[in-house]
Protein backbone atom coordinates (compact mmCIF):
# COMPACT_ATOMS: atom_id res chain seq x y z
CA UNK A 1 -41.46 10.51 -30.19
CA UNK A 2 -43.58 8.96 -32.94
CA UNK A 3 -45.69 11.14 -35.21
CA UNK A 4 -49.23 11.83 -34.05
CA UNK A 5 -51.70 10.25 -36.48
CA UNK A 6 -54.85 10.94 -34.49
CA UNK A 7 -57.85 12.20 -36.50
CA UNK A 8 -57.92 15.48 -34.60
CA UNK A 9 -54.26 16.33 -35.18
CA UNK A 10 -54.41 15.47 -38.90
CA UNK A 11 -57.55 17.42 -39.79
CA UNK A 12 -57.55 21.16 -39.12
CA UNK A 13 -61.36 21.48 -39.51
CA UNK A 14 -62.03 18.70 -37.06
CA UNK A 15 -59.40 20.16 -34.75
CA UNK A 16 -61.28 23.43 -34.69
CA UNK A 17 -64.57 21.76 -33.82
CA UNK A 18 -63.47 19.28 -31.21
CA UNK A 19 -62.34 20.00 -27.69
CA UNK A 20 -58.94 18.38 -27.17
CA UNK A 21 -57.51 16.77 -24.02
CA UNK A 22 -60.68 15.82 -22.22
CA UNK A 23 -60.05 15.74 -18.48
CA UNK A 24 -61.07 12.40 -17.04
CA UNK A 25 -63.38 12.84 -14.07
CA UNK A 26 -61.23 10.88 -11.66
CA UNK A 27 -58.21 11.29 -9.42
CA UNK A 28 -55.83 8.37 -9.73
CA UNK A 29 -53.89 7.02 -6.79
CA UNK A 30 -50.32 8.10 -6.14
CA UNK A 31 -47.46 5.73 -5.44
CA UNK A 32 -47.69 4.68 -1.83
CA UNK A 33 -45.28 2.62 0.28
CA UNK A 34 -46.14 -0.28 2.53
CA UNK A 35 -46.45 0.54 6.23
CA UNK A 36 -44.28 -2.06 7.99
CA UNK A 37 -42.58 -0.43 10.96
CA UNK A 38 -45.73 0.10 13.03
CA UNK A 39 -46.93 -3.41 12.23
CA UNK A 40 -44.25 -4.79 14.54
CA UNK A 41 -45.26 -2.92 17.70
CA UNK A 42 -47.12 -4.41 20.66
CA UNK A 43 -50.34 -2.42 21.26
CA UNK A 44 -51.32 -1.81 24.86
CA UNK A 45 -53.98 0.56 26.16
CA UNK A 46 -52.80 3.43 28.34
CA UNK A 47 -53.81 3.03 31.98
CA UNK A 48 -56.86 5.23 32.57
CA UNK A 49 -56.30 8.39 34.64
CA UNK A 50 -52.64 7.50 35.20
CA UNK A 51 -51.09 10.84 34.23
CA UNK A 52 -49.28 11.76 31.06
CA UNK A 53 -46.25 9.51 31.65
CA UNK A 54 -45.59 5.97 32.81
CA UNK A 55 -42.45 4.25 34.09
CA UNK A 56 -41.66 0.63 33.32
CA UNK A 57 -39.16 -1.43 35.28
CA UNK A 58 -37.03 -4.52 34.69
CA UNK A 59 -34.51 -6.27 36.94
CA UNK A 60 -30.95 -7.07 35.96
CA UNK A 61 -29.39 -10.50 36.38
CA UNK A 62 -27.27 -11.53 39.35
CA UNK A 63 -23.77 -12.82 38.63
CA UNK A 64 -23.58 -16.59 39.22
CA UNK A 65 -21.39 -17.61 42.14
CA UNK A 66 -19.83 -21.02 41.45
CA UNK A 67 -17.79 -21.33 44.62
CA UNK A 68 -19.01 -23.96 47.09
CA UNK A 69 -20.46 -22.70 50.36
CA UNK A 70 -18.15 -22.97 53.34
CA UNK A 71 -19.64 -25.43 55.85
CA UNK A 72 -21.21 -23.70 58.83
CA UNK A 73 -21.25 -20.24 57.19
CA UNK A 74 -24.42 -18.75 55.76
CA UNK A 75 -24.22 -17.24 52.28
CA UNK A 76 -24.26 -13.45 52.12
CA UNK A 77 -27.43 -11.79 50.77
CA UNK A 78 -27.23 -10.91 47.10
CA UNK A 79 -28.63 -7.85 45.31
CA UNK A 80 -29.39 -7.07 41.69
CA UNK A 81 -29.60 -3.89 39.66
CA UNK A 82 -32.75 -2.58 38.02
CA UNK A 83 -33.62 -0.18 35.24
CA UNK A 84 -36.58 1.87 34.10
CA UNK A 85 -37.75 3.39 30.84
CA UNK A 86 -40.51 5.89 30.25
CA UNK A 87 -43.48 6.51 27.96
CA UNK A 88 -45.14 9.90 27.68
CA UNK A 89 -48.57 10.33 26.14
CA UNK A 90 -48.55 12.94 23.39
CA UNK A 91 -51.10 13.92 20.78
CA UNK A 92 -50.46 13.57 17.06
CA UNK A 93 -52.96 14.95 14.57
CA UNK A 94 -53.58 16.68 11.26
CA UNK A 95 -56.56 18.07 9.41
CA UNK A 96 -57.91 19.08 6.01
CA UNK A 97 -60.89 21.23 4.99
CA UNK A 98 -63.28 20.53 2.15
CA UNK A 99 -65.44 23.26 0.64
CA UNK A 100 -68.52 21.32 -0.46
CA UNK A 101 -69.43 23.62 -3.41
CA UNK A 102 -65.92 22.97 -4.76
CA UNK A 103 -66.44 19.25 -4.28
CA UNK A 104 -69.66 19.34 -6.31
CA UNK A 105 -68.07 20.92 -9.39
CA UNK A 106 -64.66 19.24 -9.15
CA UNK A 107 -63.54 16.39 -11.40
CA UNK A 108 -63.97 13.94 -8.51
CA UNK A 109 -65.56 13.77 -5.10
CA UNK A 110 -63.09 15.93 -3.17
CA UNK A 111 -64.65 15.12 0.18
CA UNK A 112 -64.00 11.39 -0.17
CA UNK A 113 -60.61 11.98 -1.76
CA UNK A 114 -59.56 14.39 1.00
CA UNK A 115 -60.60 11.88 3.66
CA UNK A 116 -58.62 9.18 1.90
CA UNK A 117 -55.52 11.35 1.56
CA UNK A 118 -55.75 12.31 5.22
CA UNK A 119 -55.96 8.64 6.21
CA UNK A 120 -52.90 7.82 4.14
CA UNK A 121 -51.08 10.74 5.78
CA UNK A 122 -52.00 9.46 9.25
CA UNK A 123 -50.72 5.97 8.50
CA UNK A 124 -47.46 7.21 6.99
CA UNK A 125 -46.88 9.71 9.79
CA UNK A 126 -47.24 7.11 12.54
CA UNK A 127 -45.19 4.58 10.60
CA UNK A 128 -42.30 7.04 10.35
CA UNK A 129 -42.54 7.94 14.04
CA UNK A 130 -42.06 4.27 14.92
CA UNK A 131 -39.31 3.98 12.29
CA UNK A 132 -37.38 6.83 13.86
CA UNK A 133 -37.80 5.43 17.37
CA UNK A 134 -36.39 2.08 16.24
CA UNK A 135 -33.49 3.51 14.26
CA UNK A 136 -32.59 6.11 16.90
CA UNK A 137 -32.27 3.29 19.43
CA UNK A 138 -30.12 1.33 16.97
CA UNK A 139 -27.82 4.37 16.44
CA UNK A 140 -27.85 5.64 20.04
CA UNK A 141 -24.57 7.05 21.34
CA UNK A 142 -22.78 7.65 18.02
CA UNK A 143 -22.07 11.04 16.42
CA UNK A 144 -19.32 13.24 14.96
CA UNK A 145 -18.04 16.69 15.82
CA UNK A 146 -19.60 19.65 14.04
CA UNK A 147 -16.65 21.76 12.92
CA UNK A 148 -13.10 22.21 14.18
CA UNK A 149 -13.08 23.44 17.81
CA UNK A 150 -10.20 24.56 20.05
CA UNK A 151 -10.09 24.02 23.83
CA UNK A 152 -13.88 23.90 24.22
CA UNK A 153 -15.99 22.56 27.06
CA UNK A 154 -19.11 23.05 24.93
CA UNK A 155 -18.68 20.62 22.04
CA UNK A 156 -20.83 21.05 18.92
CA UNK A 157 -21.93 17.70 17.49
CA UNK A 158 -24.04 16.63 14.53
CA UNK A 159 -26.47 14.55 16.59
CA UNK A 160 -27.48 14.48 20.27
CA UNK A 161 -29.12 11.07 19.92
CA UNK A 162 -28.04 8.94 22.90
CA UNK A 163 -26.06 11.69 24.68
CA UNK A 164 -28.74 13.51 26.68
CA UNK A 165 -29.54 10.97 29.42
CA UNK A 166 -27.50 8.66 31.62
CA UNK A 167 -27.84 5.94 34.21
CA UNK A 168 -25.13 5.38 36.84
CA UNK A 169 -26.14 2.40 39.02
CA UNK A 170 -22.94 2.48 41.12
CA UNK A 171 -22.59 6.26 41.59
CA UNK A 172 -23.99 7.80 44.76
CA UNK A 173 -26.41 10.62 44.08
CA UNK A 174 -26.70 9.78 40.37
CA UNK A 175 -29.66 8.27 38.55
CA UNK A 176 -29.20 4.62 39.43
CA UNK A 177 -32.31 3.08 37.89
CA UNK A 178 -33.82 5.21 35.12
CA UNK A 179 -32.11 7.14 32.33
CA UNK A 180 -32.35 10.75 33.49
CA UNK A 181 -30.97 14.00 31.97
CA UNK A 182 -27.18 14.28 32.17
CA UNK A 183 -25.75 16.60 34.83
CA UNK A 184 -22.64 17.03 36.96
CA UNK A 185 -24.02 14.44 39.39
CA UNK A 186 -25.38 12.18 36.64
CA UNK A 187 -22.66 12.21 33.97
CA UNK A 188 -22.41 10.20 30.77
CA UNK A 189 -18.94 8.88 29.94
CA UNK A 190 -17.94 9.42 26.29
CA UNK A 191 -14.86 9.10 24.07
CA UNK A 192 -13.78 11.85 21.65
CA UNK A 193 -11.18 11.59 18.86
CA UNK A 194 -9.11 14.75 19.37
CA UNK A 195 -6.26 16.44 17.49
CA UNK A 196 -3.66 14.16 19.10
CA UNK A 197 -5.14 11.44 16.86
CA UNK A 198 -6.26 9.47 19.90
CA UNK A 199 -9.43 9.04 21.92
CA UNK A 200 -9.80 11.03 25.13
CA UNK A 201 -12.36 10.36 27.84
CA UNK A 202 -14.77 13.04 29.02
CA UNK A 203 -18.10 13.21 30.83
CA UNK A 204 -21.18 14.85 29.37
CA UNK A 205 -22.74 16.97 32.11
CA UNK A 206 -25.22 18.99 30.04
CA UNK A 207 -26.54 19.61 26.54
CA UNK A 208 -28.24 22.28 24.44
CA UNK A 209 -30.21 21.26 21.34
CA UNK A 210 -30.16 23.46 18.25
CA UNK A 211 -33.93 23.00 17.99
CA UNK A 212 -35.63 23.55 21.34
CA UNK A 213 -36.87 20.29 22.84
CA UNK A 214 -35.24 18.11 20.17
CA UNK A 215 -32.84 15.48 21.55
CA UNK A 216 -32.15 13.67 18.25
CA UNK A 217 -30.68 16.39 16.05
CA UNK A 218 -27.70 18.75 16.23
CA UNK A 219 -26.65 20.57 19.37
CA UNK A 220 -23.85 21.01 21.89
CA UNK A 221 -22.58 18.79 24.70
CA UNK A 222 -21.28 20.37 27.90
CA UNK A 223 -18.12 18.48 28.92
CA UNK A 224 -16.31 17.93 32.20
CA UNK A 225 -13.04 19.16 30.64
CA UNK A 226 -11.93 20.95 27.47
CA UNK A 227 -11.07 19.23 24.18
CA UNK A 228 -9.60 20.30 20.84
CA UNK A 229 -11.01 18.54 17.80
CA UNK A 230 -11.07 18.63 14.03
CA UNK A 231 -14.27 18.57 11.98
CA UNK A 232 -16.33 15.37 11.76
CA UNK A 233 -14.31 13.29 14.21
CA UNK A 234 -15.96 10.37 16.06
CA UNK A 235 -17.71 10.79 19.39
CA UNK A 236 -19.30 7.83 21.13
CA UNK A 237 -20.80 7.04 24.53
CA UNK A 238 -19.98 4.23 26.94
CA UNK A 239 -23.50 2.79 26.51
CA UNK A 240 -23.71 3.13 22.72
CA UNK A 241 -25.65 0.59 20.69
CA UNK A 242 -23.49 -1.86 18.76
CA UNK A 243 -23.37 -1.02 15.03
CA UNK A 244 -21.94 -3.19 12.26
CA UNK A 245 -20.23 -0.87 9.76
CA UNK A 246 -19.25 -2.80 6.67
CA UNK A 247 -15.93 -0.96 6.35
CA UNK A 248 -15.25 -0.71 10.08
CA UNK A 249 -14.58 2.65 11.68
CA UNK A 250 -16.33 4.61 14.41
CA UNK A 251 -18.58 6.87 12.34
CA UNK A 252 -20.34 7.22 9.01
CA UNK A 253 -17.14 8.89 7.71
CA UNK A 254 -15.76 5.40 7.13
CA UNK A 255 -18.58 4.50 4.69
CA UNK A 256 -17.42 4.48 1.05
CA UNK A 257 -18.86 3.23 -2.27
CA UNK A 258 -16.94 0.01 -1.60
CA UNK A 259 -18.66 -0.54 1.78
CA UNK A 260 -21.18 -3.05 0.48
CA UNK A 261 -23.25 -5.41 2.69
CA UNK A 262 -22.60 -9.13 2.69
CA UNK A 263 -23.91 -12.20 4.41
CA UNK A 264 -20.92 -11.82 6.74
CA UNK A 265 -22.35 -8.46 7.85
CA UNK A 266 -25.67 -10.10 8.70
CA UNK A 267 -23.95 -12.87 10.61
CA UNK A 268 -22.02 -10.31 12.66
CA UNK A 269 -25.16 -8.37 13.54
CA UNK A 270 -27.11 -11.46 14.56
CA UNK A 271 -24.15 -12.76 16.58
CA UNK A 272 -24.17 -9.56 18.64
CA UNK A 273 -27.89 -9.86 19.33
CA UNK A 274 -27.60 -13.52 20.28
CA UNK A 275 -24.60 -12.84 22.51
CA UNK A 276 -26.76 -10.33 24.39
CA UNK A 277 -29.54 -12.94 24.74
CA UNK A 278 -32.01 -10.87 22.71
CA UNK A 279 -35.18 -12.98 22.26
CA UNK A 280 -36.43 -13.83 18.79
CA UNK A 281 -39.82 -12.68 17.54
CA UNK A 282 -42.88 -14.88 17.95
CA UNK A 283 -42.10 -16.70 14.69
CA UNK A 284 -38.72 -17.84 16.07
CA UNK A 285 -36.57 -15.40 14.07
CA UNK A 286 -35.25 -11.86 14.21
CA UNK A 287 -36.93 -9.36 11.90
CA UNK A 288 -34.95 -7.19 9.52
CA UNK A 289 -35.98 -4.16 7.47
CA UNK A 290 -33.93 -3.21 4.43
CA UNK A 291 -34.49 -0.81 1.56
CA UNK A 292 -34.46 -2.07 -2.05
CA UNK A 293 -30.84 -0.93 -2.57
CA UNK A 294 -29.63 -2.95 0.42
CA UNK A 295 -31.54 -5.97 -0.87
CA UNK A 296 -30.05 -5.70 -4.34
CA UNK A 297 -26.52 -5.39 -2.96
CA UNK A 298 -26.94 -8.55 -0.84
CA UNK A 299 -27.78 -10.39 -4.07
CA UNK A 300 -24.41 -9.21 -5.42
CA UNK A 301 -22.47 -10.80 -2.55
CA UNK A 302 -20.36 -13.70 -3.96
CA UNK A 303 -21.15 -15.84 -0.91
CA UNK A 304 -24.88 -15.32 -1.44
CA UNK A 305 -24.52 -16.20 -5.11
CA UNK A 306 -22.54 -19.36 -4.35
CA UNK A 307 -25.24 -20.36 -1.90
CA UNK A 308 -27.80 -20.23 -4.72
CA UNK A 309 -25.66 -21.58 -7.56
CA UNK A 310 -27.68 -23.68 -10.03
CA UNK A 311 -30.95 -22.70 -8.33
CA UNK A 312 -32.42 -20.18 -10.83
CA UNK A 313 -35.95 -21.44 -10.22
CA UNK A 314 -35.64 -21.14 -6.45
CA UNK A 315 -38.01 -18.71 -4.71
CA UNK A 316 -35.29 -16.21 -3.79
CA UNK A 317 -34.38 -15.46 -7.41
CA UNK A 318 -37.83 -15.89 -8.91
CA UNK A 319 -39.37 -13.38 -6.51
CA UNK A 320 -36.21 -11.26 -6.01
CA UNK A 321 -36.73 -11.61 -2.28
CA UNK A 322 -34.30 -12.74 0.40
CA UNK A 323 -37.23 -13.77 2.60
CA UNK A 324 -35.63 -15.84 5.39
CA UNK A 325 -31.98 -16.67 5.93
CA UNK A 326 -29.56 -17.05 8.86
CA UNK A 327 -32.43 -17.12 11.34
CA UNK A 328 -33.82 -13.74 10.28
CA UNK A 329 -36.86 -12.74 8.24
CA UNK A 330 -36.14 -9.87 5.83
CA UNK A 331 -38.75 -7.30 4.87
CA UNK A 332 -38.29 -5.15 1.79
CA UNK A 333 -39.19 -1.75 3.19
CA UNK A 334 -39.05 1.37 1.04
CA UNK A 335 -39.73 3.54 4.08
CA UNK A 336 -36.27 2.79 5.48
CA UNK A 337 -34.38 6.06 6.07
CA UNK A 338 -32.70 7.33 2.91
CA UNK A 339 -32.54 10.80 1.38
CA UNK A 340 -35.95 10.45 -0.28
CA UNK A 341 -37.82 9.28 2.85
CA UNK A 342 -36.45 11.66 5.51
CA UNK A 343 -37.50 15.31 5.65
CA UNK A 344 -34.54 17.41 4.51
CA UNK A 345 -32.67 14.34 3.37
CA UNK A 346 -32.38 15.46 -0.24
CA UNK A 347 -30.30 18.45 0.93
CA UNK A 348 -28.48 16.56 3.72
CA UNK A 349 -30.08 18.86 6.28
CA UNK A 350 -31.79 17.95 9.56
CA UNK A 351 -35.46 18.69 10.17
CA UNK A 352 -37.03 18.41 13.61
CA UNK A 353 -40.31 17.54 11.85
CA UNK A 354 -38.68 14.17 11.09
CA UNK A 355 -36.32 13.49 14.04
CA UNK A 356 -34.15 10.78 12.51
CA UNK A 357 -30.96 10.64 14.58
CA UNK A 358 -28.51 9.61 11.87
CA UNK A 359 -26.77 11.19 8.91
CA UNK A 360 -27.67 10.07 5.41
CA UNK A 361 -24.34 10.82 3.70
CA UNK A 362 -20.82 9.86 4.75
CA UNK A 363 -19.49 13.42 4.89
CA UNK A 364 -22.72 15.12 5.91
CA UNK A 365 -23.13 16.56 2.39
CA UNK A 366 -25.00 15.30 -0.64
CA UNK A 367 -21.61 14.84 -2.31
CA UNK A 368 -20.83 12.06 0.15
CA UNK A 369 -21.61 8.36 -0.11
CA UNK A 370 -25.28 7.60 0.65
CA UNK A 371 -25.56 5.65 3.91
CA UNK A 372 -28.05 2.76 4.05
CA UNK A 373 -29.04 1.00 7.24
CA UNK A 374 -30.39 -2.55 7.61
CA UNK A 375 -32.36 -2.73 10.86
CA UNK A 376 -32.63 -5.85 13.03
CA UNK A 377 -35.24 -6.18 15.79
CA UNK A 378 -35.82 -8.66 18.60
CA UNK A 379 -39.03 -9.37 20.48
CA UNK A 380 -40.48 -6.86 22.91
CA UNK A 381 -38.57 -3.87 21.58
CA UNK A 382 -41.36 -1.36 20.95
CA UNK A 383 -44.76 -1.09 22.61
CA UNK A 384 -47.52 1.21 21.41
CA UNK A 385 -49.21 2.64 24.50
CA UNK A 386 -52.37 4.34 23.30
CA UNK A 387 -55.29 6.20 24.80
CA UNK A 388 -58.74 4.86 24.08
CA UNK A 389 -60.04 7.97 22.36
CA UNK A 390 -63.60 6.81 22.88
CA UNK A 391 -63.14 7.92 26.48
CA UNK A 392 -62.88 11.49 25.25
CA UNK A 393 -66.49 11.40 24.09
CA UNK A 394 -68.65 12.41 27.07
CA UNK A 395 -72.07 13.87 27.67
CA UNK A 396 -70.71 17.07 26.09
CA UNK A 397 -71.21 15.31 22.76
CA UNK A 398 -69.45 15.87 19.46
CA UNK A 399 -70.72 17.72 16.36
CA UNK A 400 -70.11 15.33 13.52
CA UNK A 401 -68.93 11.76 13.04
CA UNK A 402 -66.12 9.72 14.57
CA UNK A 403 -64.96 6.47 13.05
CA UNK A 404 -62.16 4.08 12.17
CA UNK A 405 -62.40 3.63 8.39
CA UNK A 406 -60.44 1.22 6.26
CA UNK A 407 -58.57 3.17 3.60
CA UNK A 408 -56.95 1.52 0.59
CA UNK A 409 -54.54 2.75 -2.02
CA UNK A 410 -53.44 0.56 -4.95
CA UNK A 411 -54.51 -2.52 -3.04
CA UNK A 412 -52.42 -1.69 0.06
CA UNK A 413 -54.44 -1.83 3.24
CA UNK A 414 -53.78 0.97 5.70
CA UNK A 415 -54.98 -0.11 9.12
CA UNK A 416 -56.53 2.80 10.98
CA UNK A 417 -56.94 0.96 14.29
CA UNK A 418 -56.19 3.12 17.32
CA UNK A 419 -56.26 6.18 15.06
CA UNK A 420 -59.37 8.34 15.30
CA UNK A 421 -60.88 9.97 12.22
CA UNK A 422 -63.14 12.94 12.95
CA UNK A 423 -65.46 14.46 10.36
CA UNK A 424 -66.83 17.69 11.79
CA UNK A 425 -70.14 18.99 10.56
CA UNK A 426 -69.96 22.36 8.76
CA UNK A 427 -70.01 25.11 11.37
CA UNK A 428 -69.38 28.16 9.19
CA UNK A 429 -72.21 30.57 8.35
CA UNK A 430 -72.89 29.02 4.95
CA UNK A 431 -72.74 25.50 6.40
CA UNK A 432 -70.55 24.19 3.58
CA UNK A 433 -66.99 23.88 5.01
CA UNK A 434 -66.37 20.37 6.34
CA UNK A 435 -63.26 19.62 8.42
CA UNK A 436 -61.75 16.14 8.48
CA UNK A 437 -59.04 15.32 11.04
CA UNK A 438 -57.11 12.38 12.44
CA UNK A 439 -55.86 12.04 15.99
CA UNK A 440 -53.77 9.67 18.09
CA UNK A 441 -52.71 10.02 21.73
CA UNK A 442 -49.98 7.76 23.04
CA UNK A 443 -46.30 6.89 22.77
CA UNK A 444 -43.89 4.28 21.39
CA UNK A 445 -41.05 3.76 23.89
CA UNK A 446 -38.16 1.50 22.95
CA UNK A 447 -37.30 -0.45 26.07
CA UNK A 448 -33.76 -0.46 27.44
CA UNK A 449 -31.75 -3.52 28.50
CA UNK A 450 -28.78 -1.84 30.16
CA UNK A 451 -28.93 -4.04 33.28
CA UNK A 452 -28.05 -7.24 31.40
CA UNK A 453 -25.37 -8.24 28.92
CA UNK A 454 -23.08 -5.59 27.47
CA UNK A 455 -23.11 -1.91 28.50
CA UNK A 456 -25.34 -0.93 25.55
CA UNK A 457 -28.58 0.60 26.77
CA UNK A 458 -30.45 -0.66 23.68
CA UNK A 459 -29.95 -4.25 22.55
CA UNK A 460 -33.20 -5.27 20.86
CA UNK A 461 -32.60 -2.88 17.94
CA UNK A 462 -29.36 -2.68 15.96
CA UNK A 463 -28.31 -1.93 12.40
CA UNK A 464 -25.77 -2.51 9.66
CA UNK A 465 -24.44 0.66 8.01
CA UNK A 466 -23.22 0.41 4.44
CA UNK A 467 -22.75 2.49 1.29
CA UNK A 468 -23.69 2.01 -2.34
CA UNK A 469 -21.64 1.90 -5.54
CA UNK A 470 -21.20 5.11 -7.50
């Protein structure tokens, strides 16, 4: 550090007379990410007075019959399968109090700052909820065993994501249309890598989450027959979502520092989506979210570099942005799930306050290879069903103000549409404690497409899993 030649530091008399380190009367903005996951949802108002849940239905396709009709014989009636998915209205909210005497003497207007911080919190909270819904669909039906277990019918696994519901359209007495909780009459077929070093087939007929009510995190699966397994061995369901792992393998255990993404990985992911007839977004392309590390590693792919040889002034290199390639638009998204953006991620632990259904390190410990996931989305994947909160305001009235402000931070616009901001008038005895809250009632279901194409229940969301160099 260079020597300090300021007047105050060089003159002891002046130093004794002058107050040092004046505190600027302002609070400067913190670093804040862009909110991109919720931007891709389709908003739709919740049907008024329709209960707290809604079912949505879609038909499957009938298999084409290319045989000519026998003369004089009528064709037999055909049938098709159907499926349903569900949305459940839930309330999300948070609040902050401002003591107005404190705001008066503080270095900045705490009331306005608190309202701004609360708005940023609301936007980031809802963005991460949608992020987790998308990624959980893209990782549905994949997990690993949690510890070595001998002859157990209650199998401990690292994640329950994709193992708690089932749909059996050809099984009498089972759930034939909607995905309903697994049971002995509505089983989910899975494969488990056991100690014979081979996959064995079992049915999931029940489950118990470690955290009550949480179906994304750790827990146990009740099986139709006993298994013996080693720690962290693959478990996958018959209707798992297709995942492109750069190094192959059936779990994150296969991810190493050499498992780096390439254009070939992107081609494989898009080929799977196109094979399943997933529709492109309105702009005619699939949308992809990748964190800055994934983006940088794609630039290191020799095929990508050959593609841009002798084009140093081209947009891709000038802006360090992949933008659009292979029929997909790529968004640089620093809210993609990594250790720094998932609650508990920095210690490789799971938190039900951030129900992300994947592991962030290859061995489940921070000593493992960090796992990055590039997400691809087709049209119509996620819909935001929301309650019009204006309907909650009746003749009973409300003490205070309700609004939808526009909140900015470092030039990034945080849309507060469909989120309600409530500023309650001071109701304490001294009339100087103001409460500011945000509220949203609704849900973000990811639709299923199990009745068409492959057996995967989710097809409009999928991901590439890769590592990063040491």
